[in-house]
Amino acid sequence: MIKTNAARLLDQLGIHYETREYEVDESDLSAETVARKVGMPPEQVFKTLLAVIDGKEHVFAVVPGDAELDFKKLAAAAGGKKAEMEHLKEVQPLTGYIRGGVTVFGAKKAYPVFADETIELFDWISVSAGRRGLQLILGPADYIRAANAKVVALTR
């Protein structure tokens, strides 16, 4: 079994999870496609987005695969006026992860994490394990605790 930094972090915290591998299609890294490949509904497969608040502070927004991030809600949750996505070319230098493999666990820096409130509706959720083609399946409460996430309304 492949151990990513994310999986090792969960092991250290004593958190139960499983991993699911899937075939990566470079032309389609959407959460909906990943959900289909790991056999879960898209609303239970959470994507991790790197955003910038007021042009200076980075935060992670964790939202369902079938939903769109509401930047006004994210800015308000982070105590700022404006939120926008970080430029794709900056994501890897800032997090250590490439698009399609971004996770809050084991990122280069522990940016604040905001998870959409729908995360608490499920018994199990799926998030990237820190590389394309590998997902972590775990309980939402464990994810929230391990990520030190603040649960807020983040979608439209």
N, C-alpha and C. Protein backbone atom coordinates (compact mmCIF):
# COMPACT_ATOMS: atom_id res chain seq x y z
N MET A 1 0.84 -1.20 0.00
CA MET A 1 0.00 0.00 0.00
C MET A 1 0.88 1.26 0.00
N ILE A 2 0.49 2.21 -0.79
CA ILE A 2 1.24 3.46 -0.90
C ILE A 2 0.94 4.35 0.29
N LYS A 3 1.99 4.87 0.90
CA LYS A 3 1.80 5.80 2.02
C LYS A 3 2.23 7.19 1.58
N THR A 4 1.28 8.09 1.56
CA THR A 4 1.61 9.48 1.26
C THR A 4 1.83 10.20 2.59
N ASN A 5 2.34 11.43 2.54
CA ASN A 5 2.49 12.21 3.78
C ASN A 5 1.15 12.37 4.48
N ALA A 6 0.08 12.53 3.69
CA ALA A 6 -1.26 12.68 4.26
C ALA A 6 -1.65 11.43 5.05
N ALA A 7 -1.41 10.26 4.47
CA ALA A 7 -1.74 9.00 5.15
C ALA A 7 -0.89 8.82 6.41
N ARG A 8 0.38 9.18 6.33
CA ARG A 8 1.26 9.07 7.51
C ARG A 8 0.78 9.98 8.64
N LEU A 9 0.31 11.17 8.28
CA LEU A 9 -0.20 12.11 9.28
C LEU A 9 -1.43 11.51 9.98
N LEU A 10 -2.34 10.93 9.21
CA LEU A 10 -3.53 10.31 9.80
C LEU A 10 -3.13 9.13 10.70
N ASP A 11 -2.12 8.36 10.26
CA ASP A 11 -1.62 7.25 11.08
C ASP A 11 -1.12 7.78 12.43
N GLN A 12 -0.36 8.86 12.40
CA GLN A 12 0.18 9.45 13.64
C GLN A 12 -0.94 9.88 14.59
N LEU A 13 -2.04 10.35 14.00
CA LEU A 13 -3.17 10.81 14.81
C LEU A 13 -4.09 9.66 15.22
N GLY A 14 -3.79 8.45 14.76
CA GLY A 14 -4.61 7.29 15.09
C GLY A 14 -5.97 7.32 14.42
N ILE A 15 -6.04 7.95 13.25
CA ILE A 15 -7.32 8.07 12.53
C ILE A 15 -7.49 6.94 11.52
N HIS A 16 -8.65 6.31 11.58
CA HIS A 16 -8.96 5.21 10.66
C HIS A 16 -9.36 5.79 9.30
N TYR A 17 -8.79 5.23 8.25
CA TYR A 17 -9.11 5.65 6.88
C TYR A 17 -8.83 4.49 5.95
N GLU A 18 -9.33 4.61 4.74
CA GLU A 18 -8.91 3.66 3.71
C GLU A 18 -8.47 4.46 2.51
N THR A 19 -7.69 3.84 1.66
CA THR A 19 -7.26 4.52 0.44
C THR A 19 -7.93 3.84 -0.75
N ARG A 20 -8.19 4.64 -1.78
CA ARG A 20 -8.73 4.10 -3.03
C ARG A 20 -7.93 4.68 -4.18
N GLU A 21 -7.37 3.78 -4.97
CA GLU A 21 -6.62 4.21 -6.16
C GLU A 21 -7.56 4.28 -7.35
N TYR A 22 -7.24 5.16 -8.27
CA TYR A 22 -8.02 5.25 -9.50
C TYR A 22 -7.11 5.67 -10.64
N GLU A 23 -7.56 5.37 -11.85
CA GLU A 23 -6.82 5.71 -13.07
C GLU A 23 -6.93 7.22 -13.32
N VAL A 24 -5.79 7.87 -13.51
CA VAL A 24 -5.78 9.32 -13.71
C VAL A 24 -5.88 9.66 -15.20
N ASP A 25 -6.77 10.58 -15.51
CA ASP A 25 -6.89 11.11 -16.86
C ASP A 25 -6.48 12.57 -16.78
N GLU A 26 -5.28 12.89 -17.29
CA GLU A 26 -4.73 14.25 -17.19
C GLU A 26 -5.68 15.31 -17.76
N SER A 27 -6.53 14.92 -18.72
CA SER A 27 -7.41 15.90 -19.36
C SER A 27 -8.69 16.13 -18.56
N ASP A 28 -8.93 15.29 -17.54
CA ASP A 28 -10.13 15.46 -16.72
C ASP A 28 -9.82 15.13 -15.27
N LEU A 29 -9.49 16.17 -14.51
CA LEU A 29 -9.15 15.99 -13.10
C LEU A 29 -10.32 16.41 -12.20
N SER A 30 -11.52 16.51 -12.78
CA SER A 30 -12.67 17.00 -12.01
C SER A 30 -13.04 16.06 -10.88
N ALA A 31 -13.58 16.65 -9.83
CA ALA A 31 -14.01 15.87 -8.66
C ALA A 31 -15.13 14.90 -9.04
N GLU A 32 -15.97 15.30 -10.00
CA GLU A 32 -17.06 14.41 -10.43
C GLU A 32 -16.50 13.13 -11.02
N THR A 33 -15.44 13.26 -11.85
CA THR A 33 -14.81 12.10 -12.47
C THR A 33 -14.14 11.23 -11.42
N VAL A 34 -13.44 11.86 -10.49
CA VAL A 34 -12.79 11.12 -9.40
C VAL A 34 -13.86 10.35 -8.60
N ALA A 35 -14.97 11.01 -8.31
CA ALA A 35 -16.07 10.38 -7.55
C ALA A 35 -16.55 9.11 -8.25
N ARG A 36 -16.76 9.21 -9.55
CA ARG A 36 -17.23 8.06 -10.33
C ARG A 36 -16.20 6.92 -10.24
N LYS A 37 -14.92 7.29 -10.35
CA LYS A 37 -13.86 6.27 -10.36
C LYS A 37 -13.65 5.61 -9.00
N VAL A 38 -13.95 6.32 -7.91
CA VAL A 38 -13.81 5.70 -6.58
C VAL A 38 -15.14 5.18 -6.05
N GLY A 39 -16.20 5.31 -6.86
CA GLY A 39 -17.50 4.74 -6.50
C GLY A 39 -18.23 5.46 -5.39
N MET A 40 -18.11 6.79 -5.37
CA MET A 40 -18.83 7.58 -4.36
C MET A 40 -19.58 8.71 -5.04
N PRO A 41 -20.68 9.18 -4.43
CA PRO A 41 -21.40 10.32 -5.01
C PRO A 41 -20.51 11.57 -4.96
N PRO A 42 -20.61 12.45 -5.98
CA PRO A 42 -19.74 13.63 -6.03
C PRO A 42 -19.86 14.54 -4.81
N GLU A 43 -21.04 14.56 -4.18
CA GLU A 43 -21.20 15.44 -3.01
C GLU A 43 -20.42 14.92 -1.79
N GLN A 44 -19.92 13.67 -1.84
CA GLN A 44 -19.12 13.11 -0.75
C GLN A 44 -17.63 13.14 -1.05
N VAL A 45 -17.27 13.55 -2.26
CA VAL A 45 -15.86 13.66 -2.65
C VAL A 45 -15.51 15.14 -2.60
N PHE A 46 -14.71 15.51 -1.61
CA PHE A 46 -14.40 16.92 -1.38
C PHE A 46 -13.11 17.33 -2.07
N LYS A 47 -13.19 18.48 -2.76
CA LYS A 47 -12.00 19.01 -3.42
C LYS A 47 -11.38 20.08 -2.52
N THR A 48 -10.06 20.14 -2.54
CA THR A 48 -9.32 21.08 -1.71
C THR A 48 -8.76 22.18 -2.61
N LEU A 49 -9.23 23.41 -2.36
CA LEU A 49 -8.84 24.54 -3.20
C LEU A 49 -7.98 25.50 -2.38
N LEU A 50 -6.96 26.07 -3.03
CA LEU A 50 -6.12 27.06 -2.36
C LEU A 50 -6.60 28.44 -2.80
N ALA A 51 -6.98 29.25 -1.83
CA ALA A 51 -7.49 30.59 -2.12
C ALA A 51 -6.66 31.64 -1.40
N VAL A 52 -6.81 32.88 -1.86
CA VAL A 52 -6.11 34.01 -1.25
C VAL A 52 -7.16 34.99 -0.73
N ILE A 53 -6.97 35.41 0.51
CA ILE A 53 -7.89 36.37 1.14
C ILE A 53 -7.22 37.74 1.10
N ASP A 54 -7.95 38.72 0.56
CA ASP A 54 -7.47 40.11 0.48
C ASP A 54 -6.06 40.23 -0.12
N GLY A 55 -5.75 39.31 -1.03
CA GLY A 55 -4.47 39.38 -1.74
C GLY A 55 -3.25 39.01 -0.93
N LYS A 56 -3.45 38.54 0.31
CA LYS A 56 -2.25 38.24 1.12
C LYS A 56 -2.27 36.92 1.89
N GLU A 57 -3.39 36.55 2.48
CA GLU A 57 -3.43 35.35 3.32
C GLU A 57 -3.97 34.15 2.54
N HIS A 58 -3.24 33.03 2.60
CA HIS A 58 -3.70 31.81 1.94
C HIS A 58 -4.55 30.98 2.88
N VAL A 59 -5.59 30.37 2.32
CA VAL A 59 -6.45 29.45 3.06
C VAL A 59 -6.84 28.30 2.15
N PHE A 60 -7.18 27.18 2.76
CA PHE A 60 -7.74 26.05 2.02
C PHE A 60 -9.26 26.11 2.15
N ALA A 61 -9.95 25.90 1.03
CA ALA A 61 -11.40 25.76 1.03
C ALA A 61 -11.70 24.33 0.59
N VAL A 62 -12.45 23.61 1.39
CA VAL A 62 -12.76 22.21 1.13
C VAL A 62 -14.25 22.11 0.84
N VAL A 63 -14.57 21.84 -0.43
CA VAL A 63 -15.97 21.87 -0.86
C VAL A 63 -16.35 20.60 -1.62
N PRO A 64 -17.66 20.27 -1.62
CA PRO A 64 -18.11 19.07 -2.32
C PRO A 64 -17.77 19.14 -3.81
N GLY A 65 -17.50 17.97 -4.38
CA GLY A 65 -17.10 17.86 -5.77
C GLY A 65 -18.11 18.39 -6.76
N ASP A 66 -19.38 18.42 -6.37
CA ASP A 66 -20.41 18.87 -7.31
C ASP A 66 -20.85 20.30 -7.03
N ALA A 67 -20.12 21.00 -6.17
CA ALA A 67 -20.53 22.36 -5.78
C ALA A 67 -19.48 23.39 -6.19
N GLU A 68 -19.92 24.64 -6.20
CA GLU A 68 -19.04 25.74 -6.55
C GLU A 68 -18.75 26.57 -5.30
N LEU A 69 -17.49 26.94 -5.13
CA LEU A 69 -17.09 27.76 -4.00
C LEU A 69 -17.68 29.16 -4.13
N ASP A 70 -18.26 29.65 -3.04
CA ASP A 70 -18.77 31.02 -2.99
C ASP A 70 -17.68 31.88 -2.34
N PHE A 71 -17.04 32.71 -3.15
CA PHE A 71 -15.89 33.49 -2.68
C PHE A 71 -16.26 34.50 -1.59
N LYS A 72 -17.47 35.05 -1.66
CA LYS A 72 -17.92 36.00 -0.62
C LYS A 72 -18.03 35.29 0.73
N LYS A 73 -18.59 34.08 0.72
CA LYS A 73 -18.74 33.32 1.97
C LYS A 73 -17.37 32.94 2.53
N LEU A 74 -16.44 32.56 1.64
CA LEU A 74 -15.10 32.20 2.10
C LEU A 74 -14.39 33.42 2.71
N ALA A 75 -14.47 34.55 2.03
CA ALA A 75 -13.84 35.78 2.54
C ALA A 75 -14.38 36.13 3.92
N ALA A 76 -15.70 36.07 4.07
CA ALA A 76 -16.34 36.39 5.35
C ALA A 76 -15.87 35.42 6.44
N ALA A 77 -15.82 34.12 6.11
CA ALA A 77 -15.40 33.11 7.09
C ALA A 77 -13.96 33.34 7.54
N ALA A 78 -13.13 33.82 6.61
CA ALA A 78 -11.71 34.03 6.91
C ALA A 78 -11.45 35.43 7.47
N GLY A 79 -12.52 36.21 7.65
CA GLY A 79 -12.37 37.54 8.23
C GLY A 79 -11.81 38.58 7.27
N GLY A 80 -12.05 38.34 5.97
CA GLY A 80 -11.56 39.28 4.97
C GLY A 80 -12.68 39.86 4.14
N LYS A 81 -12.29 40.68 3.17
CA LYS A 81 -13.28 41.31 2.28
C LYS A 81 -13.40 40.58 0.94
N LYS A 82 -12.26 40.03 0.45
CA LYS A 82 -12.27 39.44 -0.88
C LYS A 82 -11.47 38.13 -0.89
N ALA A 83 -12.03 37.13 -1.57
CA ALA A 83 -11.33 35.85 -1.74
C ALA A 83 -11.24 35.55 -3.23
N GLU A 84 -10.13 34.96 -3.63
CA GLU A 84 -10.00 34.50 -5.02
C GLU A 84 -9.12 33.27 -5.04
N MET A 85 -9.22 32.49 -6.12
CA MET A 85 -8.39 31.30 -6.26
C MET A 85 -6.94 31.73 -6.44
N GLU A 86 -6.01 30.96 -5.88
CA GLU A 86 -4.59 31.19 -6.13
C GLU A 86 -4.31 30.73 -7.56
N HIS A 87 -3.37 31.40 -8.23
CA HIS A 87 -3.00 31.00 -9.59
C HIS A 87 -2.44 29.58 -9.57
N LEU A 88 -2.84 28.79 -10.56
CA LEU A 88 -2.45 27.39 -10.63
C LEU A 88 -0.94 27.21 -10.53
N LYS A 89 -0.17 28.08 -11.15
CA LYS A 89 1.28 27.94 -11.12
C LYS A 89 1.87 28.14 -9.72
N GLU A 90 1.10 28.75 -8.83
CA GLU A 90 1.57 28.97 -7.45
C GLU A 90 1.18 27.85 -6.50
N VAL A 91 0.24 27.01 -6.91
CA VAL A 91 -0.28 25.99 -5.99
C VAL A 91 0.81 25.02 -5.53
N GLN A 92 1.58 24.48 -6.46
CA GLN A 92 2.61 23.52 -6.05
C GLN A 92 3.71 24.15 -5.19
N PRO A 93 4.26 25.33 -5.58
CA PRO A 93 5.27 25.93 -4.69
C PRO A 93 4.74 26.23 -3.28
N LEU A 94 3.47 26.59 -3.17
CA LEU A 94 2.89 26.94 -1.87
C LEU A 94 2.47 25.73 -1.03
N THR A 95 2.00 24.67 -1.69
CA THR A 95 1.47 23.52 -0.94
C THR A 95 2.35 22.28 -1.02
N GLY A 96 3.14 22.17 -2.09
CA GLY A 96 3.90 20.96 -2.32
C GLY A 96 3.12 19.93 -3.13
N TYR A 97 1.88 20.27 -3.50
CA TYR A 97 1.03 19.34 -4.24
C TYR A 97 0.64 19.90 -5.60
N ILE A 98 0.40 18.98 -6.55
CA ILE A 98 -0.04 19.41 -7.88
C ILE A 98 -1.56 19.34 -7.99
N ARG A 99 -2.10 20.09 -8.95
CA ARG A 99 -3.55 20.10 -9.18
C ARG A 99 -4.05 18.66 -9.34
N GLY A 100 -5.13 18.36 -8.65
CA GLY A 100 -5.67 17.00 -8.69
C GLY A 100 -5.12 16.15 -7.55
N GLY A 101 -4.15 16.70 -6.81
CA GLY A 101 -3.56 15.96 -5.70
C GLY A 101 -3.40 16.82 -4.46
N VAL A 102 -4.09 17.96 -4.42
CA VAL A 102 -3.94 18.88 -3.28
C VAL A 102 -4.74 18.37 -2.08
N THR A 103 -4.08 18.36 -0.92
CA THR A 103 -4.74 18.00 0.33
C THR A 103 -4.21 18.91 1.42
N VAL A 104 -4.99 19.08 2.48
CA VAL A 104 -4.53 19.93 3.58
C VAL A 104 -3.48 19.20 4.42
N PHE A 105 -3.49 17.87 4.38
CA PHE A 105 -2.58 17.08 5.20
C PHE A 105 -1.18 17.05 4.62
N GLY A 106 -0.22 17.49 5.42
CA GLY A 106 1.17 17.43 4.97
C GLY A 106 1.54 18.50 3.96
N ALA A 107 0.70 19.52 3.82
CA ALA A 107 1.05 20.62 2.92
C ALA A 107 2.28 21.34 3.49
N LYS A 108 3.00 22.05 2.63
CA LYS A 108 4.22 22.75 3.04
C LYS A 108 4.00 23.65 4.24
N LYS A 109 2.82 24.28 4.29
CA LYS A 109 2.50 25.19 5.37
C LYS A 109 1.07 24.86 5.84
N ALA A 110 0.83 25.01 7.13
CA ALA A 110 -0.49 24.72 7.68
C ALA A 110 -1.40 25.95 7.53
N TYR A 111 -1.93 26.13 6.33
CA TYR A 111 -2.85 27.24 6.09
C TYR A 111 -4.16 26.96 6.81
N PRO A 112 -4.90 28.02 7.19
CA PRO A 112 -6.23 27.80 7.78
C PRO A 112 -7.12 26.99 6.81
N VAL A 113 -7.93 26.11 7.37
CA VAL A 113 -8.79 25.23 6.57
C VAL A 113 -10.25 25.55 6.88
N PHE A 114 -11.01 25.78 5.81
CA PHE A 114 -12.46 26.00 5.93
C PHE A 114 -13.15 24.90 5.13
N ALA A 115 -14.00 24.13 5.80
CA ALA A 115 -14.72 23.03 5.15
C ALA A 115 -16.19 23.39 5.05
N ASP A 116 -16.77 23.08 3.90
CA ASP A 116 -18.19 23.36 3.72
C ASP A 116 -19.02 22.54 4.72
N GLU A 117 -20.08 23.17 5.22
CA GLU A 117 -20.93 22.55 6.25
C GLU A 117 -21.54 21.22 5.83
N THR A 118 -21.67 20.97 4.53
CA THR A 118 -22.27 19.70 4.08
C THR A 118 -21.37 18.51 4.42
N ILE A 119 -20.12 18.76 4.78
CA ILE A 119 -19.19 17.68 5.12
C ILE A 119 -19.75 16.83 6.27
N GLU A 120 -20.53 17.45 7.15
CA GLU A 120 -21.05 16.75 8.33
C GLU A 120 -22.29 15.90 8.04
N LEU A 121 -22.77 15.92 6.81
CA LEU A 121 -23.98 15.16 6.47
C LEU A 121 -23.70 13.68 6.20
N PHE A 122 -22.42 13.33 6.05
CA PHE A 122 -22.08 11.99 5.57
C PHE A 122 -21.37 11.15 6.63
N ASP A 123 -21.49 9.81 6.47
CA ASP A 123 -20.73 8.89 7.33
C ASP A 123 -19.28 8.86 6.89
N TRP A 124 -19.05 8.97 5.57
CA TRP A 124 -17.71 8.89 4.99
C TRP A 124 -17.54 9.96 3.94
N ILE A 125 -16.36 10.52 3.87
CA ILE A 125 -16.04 11.45 2.78
C ILE A 125 -14.74 11.00 2.13
N SER A 126 -14.48 11.55 0.96
CA SER A 126 -13.25 11.24 0.24
C SER A 126 -12.52 12.55 -0.04
N VAL A 127 -11.20 12.55 0.20
CA VAL A 127 -10.35 13.70 -0.13
C VAL A 127 -9.07 13.16 -0.76
N SER A 128 -8.36 14.02 -1.45
CA SER A 128 -7.11 13.59 -2.06
C SER A 128 -6.12 13.12 -0.99
N ALA A 129 -5.37 12.10 -1.33
CA ALA A 129 -4.35 11.57 -0.42
C ALA A 129 -3.02 12.28 -0.62
N GLY A 130 -3.00 13.29 -1.49
CA GLY A 130 -1.76 14.03 -1.71
C GLY A 130 -1.07 13.70 -3.02
N ARG A 131 -1.71 12.87 -3.82
CA ARG A 131 -1.22 12.65 -5.17
C ARG A 131 -2.38 12.24 -6.06
N ARG A 132 -2.24 12.54 -7.34
CA ARG A 132 -3.28 12.14 -8.28
C ARG A 132 -3.40 10.63 -8.30
N GLY A 133 -4.64 10.17 -8.38
CA GLY A 133 -4.87 8.73 -8.47
C GLY A 133 -5.03 8.03 -7.13
N LEU A 134 -5.05 8.80 -6.03
CA LEU A 134 -5.21 8.18 -4.72
C LEU A 134 -6.06 9.07 -3.83
N GLN A 135 -7.15 8.48 -3.30
CA GLN A 135 -8.07 9.20 -2.42
C GLN A 135 -8.05 8.57 -1.04
N LEU A 136 -8.31 9.39 -0.02
CA LEU A 136 -8.49 8.91 1.35
C LEU A 136 -9.98 8.92 1.65
N ILE A 137 -10.48 7.85 2.22
CA ILE A 137 -11.87 7.77 2.66
C ILE A 137 -11.84 7.76 4.18
N LEU A 138 -12.52 8.73 4.81
CA LEU A 138 -12.52 8.80 6.27
C LEU A 138 -13.78 9.49 6.77
N GLY A 139 -13.98 9.41 8.05
CA GLY A 139 -15.15 10.04 8.66
C GLY A 139 -14.97 11.56 8.71
N PRO A 140 -16.04 12.32 8.47
CA PRO A 140 -15.95 13.78 8.47
C PRO A 140 -15.42 14.36 9.78
N ALA A 141 -15.85 13.81 10.91
CA ALA A 141 -15.39 14.35 12.21
C ALA A 141 -13.87 14.17 12.34
N ASP A 142 -13.36 13.02 11.87
CA ASP A 142 -11.91 12.79 11.90
C ASP A 142 -11.19 13.76 10.97
N TYR A 143 -11.78 13.99 9.80
CA TYR A 143 -11.17 14.94 8.85
C TYR A 143 -11.09 16.33 9.48
N ILE A 144 -12.22 16.78 10.04
CA ILE A 144 -12.30 18.12 10.63
C ILE A 144 -11.27 18.28 11.74
N ARG A 145 -11.16 17.24 12.58
CA ARG A 145 -10.19 17.29 13.69
C ARG A 145 -8.75 17.30 13.16
N ALA A 146 -8.44 16.39 12.24
CA ALA A 146 -7.08 16.27 11.72
C ALA A 146 -6.65 17.52 10.94
N ALA A 147 -7.62 18.11 10.22
CA ALA A 147 -7.32 19.29 9.39
C ALA A 147 -7.43 20.58 10.21
N ASN A 148 -7.93 20.47 11.44
CA ASN A 148 -8.20 21.64 12.28
C ASN A 148 -9.08 22.61 11.48
N ALA A 149 -10.10 22.03 10.84
CA ALA A 149 -10.95 22.80 9.93
C ALA A 149 -12.08 23.51 10.67
N LYS A 150 -12.42 24.67 10.15
CA LYS A 150 -13.58 25.42 10.63
C LYS A 150 -14.71 25.08 9.65
N VAL A 151 -15.84 24.63 10.18
CA VAL A 151 -16.96 24.22 9.33
C VAL A 151 -17.90 25.42 9.14
N VAL A 152 -18.06 25.81 7.87
CA VAL A 152 -18.87 26.99 7.53
C VAL A 152 -19.60 26.75 6.20
N ALA A 153 -20.57 27.61 5.90
CA ALA A 153 -21.24 27.54 4.59
C ALA A 153 -20.30 28.16 3.55
N LEU A 154 -19.92 27.37 2.54
CA LEU A 154 -18.95 27.85 1.55
C LEU A 154 -19.42 27.78 0.11
N THR A 155 -20.59 27.19 -0.11
CA THR A 155 -21.02 26.99 -1.50
C THR A 155 -22.21 27.86 -1.85
N ARG A 156 -22.44 27.96 -3.16
CA ARG A 156 -23.56 28.78 -3.66
C ARG A 156 -24.86 28.04 -3.51
